[in-house]
Structures are given as structure tokens and as C-alpha cells.
C-alpha atoms as a PDB file:
ATOM      1  CA  MET A   1    -140.332  96.170  77.165  1.00  0.00           C
ATOM      2  CA  ASN A   2    -142.242  93.117  75.995  1.00  0.00           C
ATOM      3  CA  LYS A   3    -142.524  89.481  77.620  1.00  0.00           C
ATOM      4  CA  LYS A   4    -140.189  88.146  74.609  1.00  0.00           C
ATOM      5  CA  GLN A   5    -137.431  90.552  75.221  1.00  0.00           C
ATOM      6  CA  LYS A   6    -137.189  90.242  78.739  1.00  0.00           C
ATOM      7  CA  LYS A   7    -137.208  86.661  78.113  1.00  0.00           C
ATOM      8  CA  GLU A   8    -134.184  86.892  75.504  1.00  0.00           C
ATOM      9  CA  LYS A   9    -132.429  89.229  77.932  1.00  0.00           C
ATOM     10  CA  ALA A  10    -132.413  87.520  80.873  1.00  0.00           C
ATOM     11  CA  LEU A  11    -131.806  83.591  78.646  1.00  0.00           C
ATOM     12  CA  LEU A  12    -128.345  86.501  77.327  1.00  0.00           C
ATOM     13  CA  GLU A  13    -127.659  87.880  80.787  1.00  0.00           C
ATOM     14  CA  ASN A  14    -127.952  83.954  82.387  1.00  0.00           C
ATOM     15  CA  LEU A  15    -125.209  82.381  78.827  1.00  0.00           C
ATOM     16  CA  ASP A  16    -123.269  84.991  80.085  1.00  0.00           C
ATOM     17  CA  ARG A  17    -122.825  84.030  84.065  1.00  0.00           C
ATOM     18  CA  VAL A  18    -122.737  80.295  82.639  1.00  0.00           C
ATOM     19  CA  ALA A  19    -119.736  81.094  80.189  1.00  0.00           C
ATOM     20  CA  ALA A  20    -118.173  83.323  83.306  1.00  0.00           C
ATOM     21  CA  GLY A  21    -118.391  80.258  84.748  1.00  0.00           C
ATOM     22  CA  GLU A  22    -120.696  80.556  87.757  1.00  0.00           C
ATOM     23  CA  LYS A  23    -123.807  78.590  89.318  1.00  0.00           C
ATOM     24  CA  LEU A  24    -127.429  79.359  88.384  1.00  0.00           C
ATOM     25  CA  PRO A  25    -129.956  79.485  90.412  1.00  0.00           C
ATOM     26  CA  ASP A  26    -133.055  76.835  89.606  1.00  0.00           C
ATOM     27  CA  ASP A  27    -135.672  79.670  88.301  1.00  0.00           C
ATOM     28  CA  SER A  28    -138.647  77.848  87.738  1.00  0.00           C
ATOM     29  CA  GLU A  29    -140.553  80.961  86.433  1.00  0.00           C
ATOM     30  CA  LEU A  30    -137.169  79.824  83.211  1.00  0.00           C
ATOM     31  CA  ASP A  31    -139.050  77.462  79.924  1.00  0.00           C
ATOM     32  CA  LYS A  32    -137.648  74.596  78.732  1.00  0.00           C
ATOM     33  CA  GLU A  33    -136.587  76.017  75.925  1.00  0.00           C
ATOM     34  CA  THR A  34    -134.295  77.462  77.762  1.00  0.00           C
ATOM     35  CA  LYS A  35    -133.371  75.641  80.523  1.00  0.00           C
ATOM     36  CA  ALA A  36    -132.524  73.302  78.229  1.00  0.00           C
ATOM     37  CA  ALA A  37    -129.885  76.318  76.150  1.00  0.00           C
ATOM     38  CA  LEU A  38    -128.763  76.770  79.638  1.00  0.00           C
ATOM     39  CA  GLU A  39    -128.008  72.991  80.262  1.00  0.00           C
ATOM     40  CA  LEU A  40    -126.281  73.250  76.683  1.00  0.00           C
ATOM     41  CA  SER A  41    -123.851  75.511  77.365  1.00  0.00           C
ATOM     42  CA  ARG A  42    -123.110  74.674  80.617  1.00  0.00           C
ATOM     43  CA  GLU A  43    -122.323  71.460  78.871  1.00  0.00           C
ATOM     44  CA  MET A  44    -120.459  73.183  76.479  1.00  0.00           C
ATOM     45  CA  THR A  45    -117.948  75.342  78.543  1.00  0.00           C
ATOM     46  CA  ALA A  46    -116.800  71.933  79.715  1.00  0.00           C
ATOM     47  CA  TRP A  47    -115.422  71.033  76.467  1.00  0.00           C
ATOM     48  CA  PRO A  48    -112.134  71.364  75.794  1.00  0.00           C
ATOM     49  CA  LYS A  49    -111.051  74.932  74.981  1.00  0.00           C
ATOM     50  CA  SER A  50    -109.310  74.160  71.378  1.00  0.00           C
ATOM     51  CA  PRO A  51    -110.664  70.857  69.353  1.00  0.00           C
ATOM     52  CA  SER A  52    -108.224  68.670  67.928  1.00  0.00           C
ATOM     53  CA  LYS A  53    -106.002  68.678  64.241  1.00  0.00           C
ATOM     54  CA  GLU A  54    -107.758  65.556  62.601  1.00  0.00           C
ATOM     55  CA  PHE A  55    -111.270  67.499  63.496  1.00  0.00           C
ATOM     56  CA  LYS A  56    -109.763  70.795  62.397  1.00  0.00           C
ATOM     57  CA  ALA A  57    -108.598  69.508  58.824  1.00  0.00           C
ATOM     58  CA  ASP A  58    -111.820  67.261  58.560  1.00  0.00           C
ATOM     59  CA  LEU A  59    -113.516  70.397  59.328  1.00  0.00           C
ATOM     60  CA  LYS A  60    -112.163  71.947  56.953  1.00  0.00           C
ATOM     61  CA  ALA A  61    -112.118  69.715  53.688  1.00  0.00           C
ATOM     62  CA  ARG A  62    -115.905  69.546  54.777  1.00  0.00           C
ATOM     63  CA  ILE A  63    -116.512  73.049  54.022  1.00  0.00           C
ATOM     64  CA  THR A  64    -114.480  73.285  51.509  1.00  0.00           C
ATOM     65  CA  HIS A  65    -115.731  70.525  49.585  1.00  0.00           C
ATOM     66  CA  ARG A  66    -119.762  71.730  50.304  1.00  0.00           C
ATOM     67  CA  VAL A  67    -118.199  75.582  49.454  1.00  0.00           C
ATOM     68  CA  SER A  68    -117.433  74.209  46.200  1.00  0.00           C
ATOM     69  CA  GLU A  69    -119.817  72.323  45.621  1.00  0.00           C
ATOM     70  CA  GLU A  70    -122.867  75.197  45.957  1.00  0.00           C
ATOM     71  CA  LYS A  71    -120.974  77.419  43.853  1.00  0.00           C
ATOM     72  CA  LYS A  72    -121.486  74.618  41.711  1.00  0.00           C
ATOM     73  CA  ARG A  73    -124.612  74.381  41.551  1.00  0.00           C
ATOM     74  CA  ASP A  74    -125.649  77.830  41.327  1.00  0.00           C
ATOM     75  CA  ALA A  75    -123.662  78.477  38.546  1.00  0.00           C
ATOM     76  CA  VAL A  76    -125.646  75.500  36.932  1.00  0.00           C
ATOM     77  CA  LYS A  77    -128.252  77.373  38.073  1.00  0.00           C
ATOM     78  CA  ASN A  78    -127.794  80.862  36.977  1.00  0.00           C
ATOM     79  CA  GLY A  79    -126.367  79.203  33.743  1.00  0.00           C
ATOM     80  CA  TYR A  80    -123.223  79.251  33.304  1.00  0.00           C
ATOM     81  CA  SER A  81    -121.985  75.882  31.901  1.00  0.00           C
ATOM     82  CA  GLU A  82    -118.960  74.393  32.525  1.00  0.00           C
ATOM     83  CA  PHE A  83    -118.621  74.159  28.186  1.00  0.00           C
ATOM     84  CA  ARG A  84    -118.506  78.033  28.178  1.00  0.00           C
ATOM     85  CA  ASP A  85    -114.698  78.058  29.854  1.00  0.00           C
ATOM     86  CA  ILE A  86    -113.511  75.390  28.136  1.00  0.00           C
ATOM     87  CA  LEU A  87    -111.622  78.024  25.568  1.00  0.00           C
ATOM     88  CA  ARG A  88    -109.594  78.832  28.547  1.00  0.00           C
ATOM     89  CA  ARG A  89    -107.980  75.159  29.156  1.00  0.00           C
ATOM     90  CA  PRO A  90    -104.696  75.692  27.195  1.00  0.00           C
ATOM     91  CA  ALA A  91    -104.852  71.664  26.011  1.00  0.00           C
ATOM     92  CA  TRP A  92    -107.916  72.795  24.392  1.00  0.00           C
ATOM     93  CA  GLN A  93    -106.516  75.783  23.491  1.00  0.00           C
ATOM     94  CA  MET A  94    -104.069  73.722  21.466  1.00  0.00           C
ATOM     95  CA  THR A  95    -107.002  71.133  20.257  1.00  0.00           C
ATOM     96  CA  PHE A  96    -108.466  73.834  18.922  1.00  0.00           C
ATOM     97  CA  ALA A  97    -105.790  75.611  17.083  1.00  0.00           C
ATOM     98  CA  ALA A  98    -104.314  72.147  15.546  1.00  0.00           C
ATOM     99  CA  VAL A  99    -107.374  71.416  13.895  1.00  0.00           C
ATOM    100  CA  LEU A 100    -108.125  74.754  12.774  1.00  0.00           C
ATOM    101  CA  LEU A 101    -104.727  74.713  11.083  1.00  0.00           C
ATOM    102  CA  ALA A 102    -105.524  71.664   9.152  1.00  0.00           C
ATOM    103  CA  ILE A 103    -108.731  72.887   8.601  1.00  0.00           C
ATOM    104  CA  ILE A 104    -107.257  76.010   6.703  1.00  0.00           C
ATOM    105  CA  ALA A 105    -103.741  74.158   5.162  1.00  0.00           C
ATOM    106  CA  GLY A 106    -106.441  71.360   3.460  1.00  0.00           C
ATOM    107  CA  ILE A 107    -108.109  74.451   2.032  1.00  0.00           C
ATOM    108  CA  ILE A 108    -104.503  75.918   0.549  1.00  0.00           C
ATOM    109  CA  PHE A 109    -103.887  72.563  -0.282  1.00  0.00           C
ATOM    110  CA  LEU A 110    -107.600  72.325  -1.749  1.00  0.00           C
ATOM    111  CA  ILE A 111    -106.791  75.210  -4.002  1.00  0.00           C
ATOM    112  CA  VAL A 112    -103.948  74.912  -4.555  1.00  0.00           C
ATOM    113  CA  TYR A 113    -104.276  71.021  -6.723  1.00  0.00           C
ATOM    114  CA  LEU A 114    -107.503  72.510  -7.997  1.00  0.00           C
ATOM    115  CA  LEU A 115    -105.690  75.150  -9.218  1.00  0.00           C
ATOM    116  CA  ASN A 116    -103.140  73.583 -10.724  1.00  0.00           C
ATOM    117  CA  ARG A 117    -105.474  70.422 -12.808  1.00  0.00           C
END
């Protein structure tokens, strides 16, 4: 086991102790980052067990919005355009059908008019 692996193992063991509520002895051999991580974990164990309902609702809304925005950006990046999906919307389907029927009716009217002339 190299030095980095030993350091990571010691950090994980210390984090487990903090999570269990045990006091840690002041180790002078720990570096600043490890001490900061352990201090943060001590503070986090003192936090309430469950966040408030408002926080949960706000967090859910933010995450949902962010995910949808990222999906839109990825779709545009991959060449997907919102206009490709236009024929799947019922209102536009009816509009295109009405315009197509008007064109066909106009052509039929024009043919009948020219034949009866």
C-alpha cells in the first residue's frame, strides 16, 4: 500500500468514526485538507437529519429545471430541432391538414372552372 492509499484509508476510517459520533484525537500527522474534511464531517453530523419541506421542493424544482435545460442543450447540440417535432402536435396537424385541404379544393375548383369555360 503506497502513501496515498494509506492516507485515503485513514481518512475513510476517520470519517466513519465521526459519522458514528466518536471523538477523534488530534493527529498532528494529518494534513490541512484531511483536517478540513474531518471538520466538515463533524459539522455535517450536527445538522438536522432531514431538510425542510421548502428546501426539498426548491431543490427538486431547480434540479428538474436544470436537467430539462441540459436535455434541450444536448438535443440542439446533436442536431435536433424543436421544429422537427412540429408535426406531432395536434394543433399543427390540424392546421397543416386544413391548409392542404384548401389547396386541394382550390386546385379542383380551378380544374372544374377551366373545363367548363
